[in-house]
Protein backbone atom coordinates (compact mmCIF):
# COMPACT_ATOMS: atom_id res chain seq x y z
CA MET A 1 0.43 -13.21 28.23
CA LEU A 2 -1.59 -11.37 30.90
CA PRO A 3 -4.24 -13.50 32.76
CA LEU A 4 -6.97 -11.30 31.28
CA GLN A 5 -5.64 -11.89 27.85
CA LEU A 6 -5.55 -15.62 28.43
CA VAL A 7 -9.23 -15.67 29.56
CA LEU A 8 -10.29 -13.56 26.54
CA CYS A 9 -8.23 -15.70 24.24
CA VAL A 10 -9.81 -18.95 25.48
CA ALA A 11 -13.28 -17.50 25.39
CA TYR A 12 -13.10 -16.17 21.83
CA PRO A 13 -13.48 -19.37 19.79
CA PHE A 14 -16.46 -20.52 21.86
CA LEU A 15 -18.13 -17.06 21.54
CA ALA A 16 -17.42 -17.10 17.76
CA HIS A 17 -18.94 -20.56 17.47
CA ALA A 18 -21.99 -19.43 19.50
CA ALA A 19 -22.32 -16.53 17.09
CA THR A 20 -22.53 -18.92 14.14
CA VAL A 21 -24.99 -21.28 15.77
CA LYS A 22 -27.21 -18.76 17.60
CA GLY A 23 -26.72 -15.55 15.58
CA SER A 24 -27.18 -12.08 16.97
CA PRO A 25 -25.98 -10.67 19.41
CA TRP A 26 -23.30 -13.33 19.83
CA ALA A 27 -21.34 -12.13 16.80
CA SER A 28 -20.99 -8.66 18.37
CA ILE A 29 -20.06 -10.16 21.72
CA ALA A 30 -17.34 -12.27 20.14
CA LEU A 31 -15.98 -9.28 18.26
CA ALA A 32 -16.04 -7.22 21.50
CA ASP A 33 -14.06 -10.03 23.17
CA LEU A 34 -11.46 -9.79 20.35
CA VAL A 35 -11.24 -6.03 20.72
CA LEU A 36 -10.63 -6.35 24.39
CA LEU A 37 -8.03 -9.04 23.78
CA LEU A 38 -6.04 -6.88 21.45
CA LEU A 39 -6.29 -3.79 23.69
CA ALA A 40 -5.90 -5.49 27.08
CA ALA A 41 -2.28 -4.58 27.66
CA PRO A 42 -2.53 -0.83 26.89
CA LEU A 43 -5.89 -0.69 28.72
CA LEU A 44 -4.39 -2.08 31.87
CA ARG A 45 -1.63 0.56 31.59
CA ARG A 46 -4.41 3.19 31.30
CA ARG A 47 -3.33 4.46 27.92
CA VAL A 48 -5.78 7.17 26.83
CA TRP A 49 -5.52 6.22 23.15
CA ALA A 50 -6.55 2.67 24.01
CA LEU A 51 -9.57 3.87 25.95
CA LEU A 52 -10.63 6.08 23.03
CA LEU A 53 -10.10 3.33 20.49
CA LEU A 54 -12.06 0.90 22.63
CA ALA A 55 -14.99 3.36 22.83
CA VAL A 56 -14.92 3.95 19.09
CA LEU A 57 -14.83 0.18 18.29
CA LEU A 58 -17.56 -0.80 20.72
CA ALA A 59 -19.69 1.98 19.41
CA GLY A 60 -19.14 0.72 15.93
CA LEU A 61 -20.17 -2.78 16.95
CA VAL A 62 -23.40 -1.43 18.47
CA TRP A 63 -24.08 0.42 15.25
CA LEU A 64 -23.48 -2.72 13.12
CA GLU A 65 -25.55 -4.95 15.40
CA GLY A 66 -28.46 -6.54 13.50
CA GLY A 67 -26.79 -6.35 10.09
CA PRO A 68 -24.62 -8.87 8.20
CA TRP A 69 -21.26 -7.24 9.00
CA PRO A 70 -20.54 -8.73 12.50
CA GLN A 71 -20.96 -12.25 11.16
CA LEU A 72 -18.85 -11.44 8.10
CA LEU A 73 -16.11 -9.95 10.23
CA LEU A 74 -15.88 -13.17 12.23
CA LEU A 75 -14.70 -14.93 9.07
CA ALA A 76 -11.44 -13.07 9.17
CA PRO A 77 -9.75 -13.90 12.52
CA PRO A 78 -9.06 -17.56 11.93
CA VAL A 79 -7.46 -16.76 8.55
CA LEU A 80 -5.45 -13.82 9.90
CA PHE A 81 -4.27 -15.63 13.03
CA THR A 82 -3.08 -18.84 11.43
CA GLY A 83 -1.62 -16.90 8.50
CA TRP A 84 0.33 -14.64 10.90
CA LEU A 85 1.65 -17.58 12.85
CA ALA A 86 2.70 -19.39 9.58
CA TRP A 87 4.61 -16.32 8.52
CA TRP A 88 6.13 -15.97 12.01
CA PHE A 89 7.65 -19.41 11.73
CA ALA A 90 8.52 -19.23 8.07
CA ARG A 91 10.28 -15.82 8.13
CA THR A 92 13.02 -17.34 10.33
CA LEU A 93 13.87 -19.93 7.72
CA TRP A 94 15.45 -17.54 5.22
CA GLY A 95 17.85 -14.63 5.09
CA GLY A 96 20.49 -16.25 7.19
CA ARG A 97 18.29 -16.23 10.27
CA THR A 98 18.22 -18.88 13.00
CA PRO A 99 15.07 -20.89 12.74
CA LEU A 100 12.59 -20.00 15.52
CA ILE A 101 12.50 -23.41 17.16
CA ALA A 102 16.28 -23.69 16.93
CA ARG A 103 16.57 -20.63 19.08
CA ILE A 104 14.36 -22.15 21.72
CA VAL A 105 16.03 -25.55 21.64
CA ARG A 106 19.50 -24.07 21.88
CA ALA A 107 18.47 -21.81 24.79
CA LEU A 108 17.01 -24.78 26.69
CA HIS A 109 20.04 -26.92 26.15
CA GLU A 110 22.54 -24.15 26.97
CA ARG A 111 20.64 -23.36 30.18
CA ALA A 112 20.79 -27.00 31.17
CA GLY A 113 24.53 -27.30 30.35
CA GLN A 114 23.80 -29.84 27.51
CA PRO A 115 25.36 -29.75 24.10
CA TYR A 116 23.41 -28.36 21.19
CA THR A 117 24.35 -30.85 18.51
CA PRO A 118 24.14 -30.57 14.72
CA ASP A 119 21.41 -33.24 14.74
CA LEU A 120 19.35 -31.12 17.15
CA ALA A 121 19.85 -28.04 14.93
CA ALA A 122 18.78 -29.88 11.78
CA TYR A 123 15.73 -31.24 13.57
CA ALA A 124 14.77 -27.85 14.95
CA ARG A 125 14.94 -26.39 11.44
CA ARG A 126 12.80 -29.13 9.95
CA LEU A 127 10.31 -28.65 12.86
CA THR A 128 10.14 -24.93 12.25
CA ALA A 129 9.30 -25.63 8.61
CA GLY A 130 6.74 -28.25 9.67
CA TRP A 131 4.93 -25.77 11.86
CA ALA A 132 4.96 -23.18 9.08
CA GLY A 133 3.55 -25.78 6.72
CA VAL A 134 0.79 -27.00 9.04
CA LEU A 135 -0.29 -23.41 9.86
CA ALA A 136 -0.21 -22.42 6.13
CA LEU A 137 -2.47 -25.36 5.29
CA LEU A 138 -4.89 -24.30 8.06
CA THR A 139 -4.89 -20.80 6.76
CA VAL A 140 -5.79 -21.97 3.25
CA ALA A 141 -8.48 -24.27 4.61
CA ASN A 142 -9.90 -21.45 6.80
CA ALA A 143 -9.95 -19.03 3.89
CA LEU A 144 -11.67 -21.50 1.52
CA LEU A 145 -14.35 -22.36 4.10
CA ALA A 146 -14.94 -18.60 4.76
CA LEU A 147 -15.35 -18.07 0.96
CA TRP A 148 -17.67 -21.11 0.51
CA ALA A 149 -19.95 -20.84 3.57
CA VAL A 150 -23.62 -20.65 2.59
CA PRO A 151 -25.31 -18.56 3.85
CA GLY A 152 -22.97 -15.94 5.31
CA GLY A 153 -19.74 -16.64 3.41
CA VAL A 154 -17.79 -14.06 1.43
CA LEU A 155 -18.92 -15.30 -2.05
CA HIS A 156 -22.53 -15.66 -0.88
CA ALA A 157 -22.45 -12.09 0.53
CA LEU A 158 -21.19 -10.87 -2.85
CA GLY A 159 -24.02 -12.68 -4.70
CA ARG A 160 -21.76 -15.38 -6.14
CA THR A 161 -22.29 -19.14 -6.09
CA PRO A 162 -19.33 -20.89 -4.50
CA PRO A 163 -17.95 -23.99 -6.27
CA LEU A 164 -18.52 -25.99 -3.07
CA ALA A 165 -21.07 -24.85 -0.51
CA VAL A 166 -20.45 -25.56 3.17
CA SER A 167 -22.71 -24.75 6.09
CA PRO A 168 -21.73 -21.91 8.47
CA GLU A 169 -21.72 -24.50 11.26
CA ALA A 170 -19.17 -26.59 9.37
CA TRP A 171 -16.98 -23.55 8.84
CA SER A 172 -17.19 -22.69 12.54
CA TRP A 173 -16.46 -26.11 13.83
CA PHE A 174 -13.30 -26.17 11.75
CA ALA A 175 -12.14 -22.59 11.97
CA ASN A 176 -13.09 -21.81 15.57
CA LEU A 177 -12.62 -25.15 17.23
CA LEU A 178 -10.94 -27.92 15.22
CA ASN A 179 -8.01 -25.71 14.31
CA TYR A 180 -6.88 -25.89 17.93
CA GLY A 181 -7.34 -29.66 17.90
CA VAL A 182 -5.08 -29.98 14.87
CA VAL A 183 -2.45 -27.73 16.40
CA GLY A 184 -2.66 -29.58 19.76
CA GLY A 185 -2.49 -32.94 18.03
CA PHE A 186 0.59 -31.88 16.04
CA MET A 187 2.22 -30.55 19.22
CA VAL A 188 1.62 -33.77 21.25
CA GLY A 189 2.62 -36.03 18.46
CA GLU A 190 5.82 -34.16 17.78
CA PHE A 191 6.69 -34.03 21.55
CA ALA A 192 6.31 -37.84 21.79
CA TRP A 193 8.49 -38.36 18.66
CA ARG A 194 11.12 -35.92 19.93
CA LYS A 195 11.43 -37.85 23.20
CA ARG A 196 12.11 -41.08 21.25
CA ARG A 197 14.44 -39.38 18.73
CA PHE A 198 16.41 -37.40 21.37
CA PRO A 199 16.00 -39.33 24.72
CA ARG A 200 18.34 -36.86 26.60
CA GLN A 201 16.42 -33.65 26.95
CA PRO A 202 16.64 -30.71 29.39
CA TYR A 203 13.21 -31.52 30.77
CA ARG A 204 11.54 -34.63 32.23
CA ASN A 205 8.01 -34.47 30.80
CA GLY A 206 5.52 -32.07 29.23
CA LEU A 207 4.90 -30.14 32.40
CA ASP A 208 8.62 -29.68 33.09
CA PHE A 209 9.06 -28.61 29.47
CA VAL A 210 6.63 -25.76 30.06
CA ARG A 211 8.45 -24.83 33.33
CA GLN A 212 11.85 -24.69 31.49
CA MET A 213 10.35 -22.60 28.74
CA VAL A 214 9.03 -20.08 31.31
CA LYS A 215 12.47 -20.05 33.06
CA LEU A 216 14.11 -18.77 29.87
CA GLY A 217 12.81 -15.41 31.04
CA PRO A 218 10.84 -12.41 29.74
CA GLN A 219 13.80 -10.87 27.85
CA PHE A 220 14.32 -14.08 25.84
CA TRP A 221 10.65 -14.16 24.79
CA ARG A 222 10.58 -10.50 23.99
CA ASP A 223 13.63 -10.91 21.69
CA LEU A 224 12.04 -14.04 20.10
CA LEU A 225 8.74 -12.24 19.42
CA GLY A 226 10.48 -9.15 18.16
């Protein structure tokens, strides 16, 4: 990820939460941040189509400013993002593919000259399924909260009464902020358990784990994301 993309990615949930709490024009600002995040790579490579698309989308946001659409559009990213990640993990569990985390674990152990045992392979497969499950649950929760938010939720915008009304602030705290706490908590808890379950690892601690992941190289991560 480019440094610019990292900054935009970190800023987005806070801008989206500000949009829910403070209203206009923060919704449009949050959406502009998301547009820049998605187009950052081609923009930095000076792709003409990216510049044109950026101009069109930003003009559209200016045109929509003051209406209900910017706030409604902010309901979608948490659902789409966690749903995409859940699918990304889950798709590697069928069709004879190697589970996503198994590929990472095997690469780390092979690089360190350590054996990739059947126990590790089974654990990596279960962990891939675990991540897919956690992210799928977050997707469902995000979708339900987006439907039930009053005012501003999907059902409310359609003139329907949701079976359970939640405030926009409650939706935003969960979808824009707490999601990352759940993901971070699962990550830290699993890392601590893994160190106990498999004491001999090709890294010393969390920071060294990140270093070893980076050392797998750009080509490995391009193949994994492909």
